[in-house]
Amino acid sequence: MDIIGILMIVFAVFVFLALLSHSSADESSADLGLGDLVRLFGGDQDIQARADMTHNWLGLFGALIAKFFINITIGYFSIAFPILLGLWGWFILRKKDLRAPAYYTNYAVILVFLGATFFGLLRLVSWMPDISPSWAGNIGDFTAGLIARLIGTTGGIIAIVTTIIVVPIVVVDYAIHKT
């Protein structure tokens, strides 16, 4: 189990660094699949040129990771995933009880999902300044669109903000009752 914990922490650091060094300038460089990375070792000039232009601290692989997490999942809120993964790795490495991190991970995932949806809803408000799609990601935009069609943008913002306020109260109440 020690090896699994260490690998989780190392992978979390890699993902964290890839997300932290995300650059919109890497979008065109990262527009390829994982199979194309193999061509980098074969001396493909096009892939080599993309790798040379990449700003991500982890190179082309980091740009792919950042593109996946930020554009395809829940936007900038995906920074929570490597943090949670690292904490899980630490708990596994230290052989601690996993019930508490499981409980708080569930709420953290709910909060980041709500945050992405909130920014997706803000992107739908016509009078708001243009908000980058990177704040919501595809999932945040999708759920915001569903909520906006169901209860409207204003109703969605009210519901999401209320939920964002209630979730930490539930978490704190659980912690108080547990002590």
Foldseek 3Di string as FASTA:
>chain_A
DLVQLVVLQVVLVLLLQLQVQADPQLVVLQPDDPVVVVVVVVVPPVNVVSQVSDRRPVTNVSNNSNCCQQAAHFASLSSVVSVLSNVVSVCVNVVHDCPVSVVVVVLSVVLSLLQLLLVLLVCVDPVHPHDDNRNGHPSSVVVNVVVCVVPRSVVSNVVSVVVNVVSVVVVVVVVVVVD
